[in-house]
Amino acid sequence: MVYNAAHFSATPPAYFHDQLRDYSLNFARDKEAGTRLVISHYVSHAVTQAKAHFGLPNLVSFPEYHIGPEDIPNVGWIHGILDFAISSVVIEDNDSLGN
């Protein structure tokens, strides 16, 4: 994966840094759960930006997603529980992303 600024650049919403400051000041990061809160803050905003930029309304993040074994080109074999996985999902009738 290569980042191409000419193709895509992201500007976080005005409240991004205020929220990040609140997380940083109010949650201890000496345990993995505290660190995941900060990471999920970035992931959440990245997913929101990707939904808008690429027109993917059903893009969601799954925390602690089990996968594998799977061979990913240029990465190799992975398996186990991923900290985060991001995917577009199919929404069935009368369902929503909140369910």
C-alpha atoms as a PDB file:
ATOM      1  CA  MET A   1       0.000   0.000   0.000  1.00  0.00           C
ATOM      2  CA  VAL A   2       1.348   3.403  -0.962  1.00  0.00           C
ATOM      3  CA  TYR A   3      -0.060   6.717   0.192  1.00  0.00           C
ATOM      4  CA  ASN A   4      -0.603   9.130  -2.678  1.00  0.00           C
ATOM      5  CA  ALA A   5      -1.347  12.682  -1.468  1.00  0.00           C
ATOM      6  CA  ALA A   6      -2.472  13.705  -4.952  1.00  0.00           C
ATOM      7  CA  HIS A   7      -5.194  11.057  -4.789  1.00  0.00           C
ATOM      8  CA  PHE A   8      -6.340  11.505  -1.210  1.00  0.00           C
ATOM      9  CA  SER A   9      -5.664  13.735   1.719  1.00  0.00           C
ATOM     10  CA  ALA A  10      -7.650  13.789   4.907  1.00  0.00           C
ATOM     11  CA  THR A  11      -8.491  16.716   7.094  1.00  0.00           C
ATOM     12  CA  PRO A  12      -9.962  15.696  10.430  1.00  0.00           C
ATOM     13  CA  PRO A  13     -13.027  17.500  11.728  1.00  0.00           C
ATOM     14  CA  ALA A  14     -12.439  20.420  14.078  1.00  0.00           C
ATOM     15  CA  TYR A  15     -13.330  18.336  17.149  1.00  0.00           C
ATOM     16  CA  PHE A  16     -10.825  15.524  16.382  1.00  0.00           C
ATOM     17  CA  HIS A  17      -7.947  16.935  18.433  1.00  0.00           C
ATOM     18  CA  ASP A  18     -10.229  17.981  21.308  1.00  0.00           C
ATOM     19  CA  GLN A  19     -11.567  14.420  21.533  1.00  0.00           C
ATOM     20  CA  LEU A  20      -8.060  12.987  21.311  1.00  0.00           C
ATOM     21  CA  ARG A  21      -6.893  15.302  24.103  1.00  0.00           C
ATOM     22  CA  ASP A  22      -9.835  14.163  26.261  1.00  0.00           C
ATOM     23  CA  TYR A  23      -8.973  10.497  25.679  1.00  0.00           C
ATOM     24  CA  SER A  24      -5.305  11.179  26.412  1.00  0.00           C
ATOM     25  CA  LEU A  25      -6.031  13.038  29.642  1.00  0.00           C
ATOM     26  CA  ASN A  26      -8.796  10.810  30.990  1.00  0.00           C
ATOM     27  CA  PHE A  27      -7.796   7.231  30.170  1.00  0.00           C
ATOM     28  CA  ALA A  28      -4.633   5.550  31.418  1.00  0.00           C
ATOM     29  CA  ARG A  29      -2.710   3.826  28.670  1.00  0.00           C
ATOM     30  CA  ASP A  30      -0.662   1.503  30.849  1.00  0.00           C
ATOM     31  CA  LYS A  31      -3.003  -1.337  29.842  1.00  0.00           C
ATOM     32  CA  GLU A  32      -3.897  -2.465  26.332  1.00  0.00           C
ATOM     33  CA  ALA A  33      -7.551  -1.407  26.706  1.00  0.00           C
ATOM     34  CA  GLY A  34      -6.573   2.215  27.314  1.00  0.00           C
ATOM     35  CA  THR A  35      -4.332   2.247  24.276  1.00  0.00           C
ATOM     36  CA  ARG A  36      -7.071   0.710  22.123  1.00  0.00           C
ATOM     37  CA  LEU A  37      -9.338   3.644  22.976  1.00  0.00           C
ATOM     38  CA  VAL A  38      -6.852   6.037  21.400  1.00  0.00           C
ATOM     39  CA  ILE A  39      -6.295   3.768  18.385  1.00  0.00           C
ATOM     40  CA  SER A  40     -10.050   3.356  17.906  1.00  0.00           C
ATOM     41  CA  HIS A  41     -10.365   7.149  17.887  1.00  0.00           C
ATOM     42  CA  TYR A  42      -8.087   7.287  14.827  1.00  0.00           C
ATOM     43  CA  VAL A  43      -9.749   4.258  13.208  1.00  0.00           C
ATOM     44  CA  SER A  44     -13.216   5.745  13.703  1.00  0.00           C
ATOM     45  CA  HIS A  45     -12.278   8.995  11.996  1.00  0.00           C
ATOM     46  CA  ALA A  46     -10.445   7.160   9.191  1.00  0.00           C
ATOM     47  CA  VAL A  47     -13.531   5.025   8.506  1.00  0.00           C
ATOM     48  CA  THR A  48     -15.737   8.133   8.507  1.00  0.00           C
ATOM     49  CA  GLN A  49     -13.394   9.844   6.016  1.00  0.00           C
ATOM     50  CA  ALA A  50     -13.236   6.730   3.804  1.00  0.00           C
ATOM     51  CA  LYS A  51     -17.030   6.401   3.775  1.00  0.00           C
ATOM     52  CA  ALA A  52     -17.379   9.954   2.479  1.00  0.00           C
ATOM     53  CA  HIS A  53     -14.398   9.950   0.105  1.00  0.00           C
ATOM     54  CA  PHE A  54     -15.011   6.570  -1.521  1.00  0.00           C
ATOM     55  CA  GLY A  55     -18.829   6.442  -1.224  1.00  0.00           C
ATOM     56  CA  LEU A  56     -18.851   3.391   1.063  1.00  0.00           C
ATOM     57  CA  PRO A  57     -21.801   3.879   3.445  1.00  0.00           C
ATOM     58  CA  ASN A  58     -21.562   0.302   4.785  1.00  0.00           C
ATOM     59  CA  LEU A  59     -17.908   0.480   5.827  1.00  0.00           C
ATOM     60  CA  VAL A  60     -17.448  -0.558   9.457  1.00  0.00           C
ATOM     61  CA  SER A  61     -14.681  -1.402  11.903  1.00  0.00           C
ATOM     62  CA  PHE A  62     -14.641  -4.639  13.862  1.00  0.00           C
ATOM     63  CA  PRO A  63     -12.553  -4.608  17.040  1.00  0.00           C
ATOM     64  CA  GLU A  64     -10.851  -7.903  17.927  1.00  0.00           C
ATOM     65  CA  TYR A  65     -11.785  -9.759  14.740  1.00  0.00           C
ATOM     66  CA  HIS A  66     -10.687 -13.381  14.355  1.00  0.00           C
ATOM     67  CA  ILE A  67      -9.150 -14.237  10.995  1.00  0.00           C
ATOM     68  CA  GLY A  68      -7.114 -16.848   9.310  1.00  0.00           C
ATOM     69  CA  PRO A  69      -5.120 -18.339   8.220  1.00  0.00           C
ATOM     70  CA  GLU A  70      -5.075 -15.883   5.300  1.00  0.00           C
ATOM     71  CA  ASP A  71      -2.281 -15.080   2.835  1.00  0.00           C
ATOM     72  CA  ILE A  72      -2.202 -11.352   2.105  1.00  0.00           C
ATOM     73  CA  PRO A  73      -0.076 -10.309  -0.890  1.00  0.00           C
ATOM     74  CA  ASN A  74       3.037  -8.322   0.092  1.00  0.00           C
ATOM     75  CA  VAL A  75       2.319  -9.061   3.776  1.00  0.00           C
ATOM     76  CA  GLY A  76       2.301 -12.826   4.149  1.00  0.00           C
ATOM     77  CA  TRP A  77       0.267 -15.235   6.222  1.00  0.00           C
ATOM     78  CA  ILE A  78      -1.760 -13.887   9.125  1.00  0.00           C
ATOM     79  CA  HIS A  79      -4.036 -15.607  11.597  1.00  0.00           C
ATOM     80  CA  GLY A  80      -5.505 -15.060  15.007  1.00  0.00           C
ATOM     81  CA  ILE A  81      -7.299 -12.065  16.418  1.00  0.00           C
ATOM     82  CA  LEU A  82      -6.745  -8.753  14.665  1.00  0.00           C
ATOM     83  CA  ASP A  83      -6.897  -5.646  16.832  1.00  0.00           C
ATOM     84  CA  PHE A  84      -9.098  -4.021  14.182  1.00  0.00           C
ATOM     85  CA  ALA A  85     -10.521  -5.103  10.832  1.00  0.00           C
ATOM     86  CA  ILE A  86     -12.287  -2.746   8.458  1.00  0.00           C
ATOM     87  CA  SER A  87     -14.743  -4.032   5.891  1.00  0.00           C
ATOM     88  CA  SER A  88     -17.787  -3.127   3.866  1.00  0.00           C
ATOM     89  CA  VAL A  89     -20.789  -5.134   5.021  1.00  0.00           C
ATOM     90  CA  VAL A  90     -24.080  -6.203   3.460  1.00  0.00           C
ATOM     91  CA  ILE A  91     -27.129  -4.872   5.253  1.00  0.00           C
ATOM     92  CA  GLU A  92     -30.204  -7.083   5.123  1.00  0.00           C
ATOM     93  CA  ASP A  93     -33.804  -5.837   5.050  1.00  0.00           C
ATOM     94  CA  ASN A  94     -34.942  -4.055   8.228  1.00  0.00           C
ATOM     95  CA  ASP A  95     -31.420  -4.073   9.635  1.00  0.00           C
ATOM     96  CA  SER A  96     -28.929  -1.294  10.258  1.00  0.00           C
ATOM     97  CA  LEU A  97     -25.243  -0.851  11.036  1.00  0.00           C
ATOM     98  CA  GLY A  98     -26.178  -0.287  14.668  1.00  0.00           C
ATOM     99  CA  ASN A  99     -27.529  -3.812  15.119  1.00  0.00           C
END
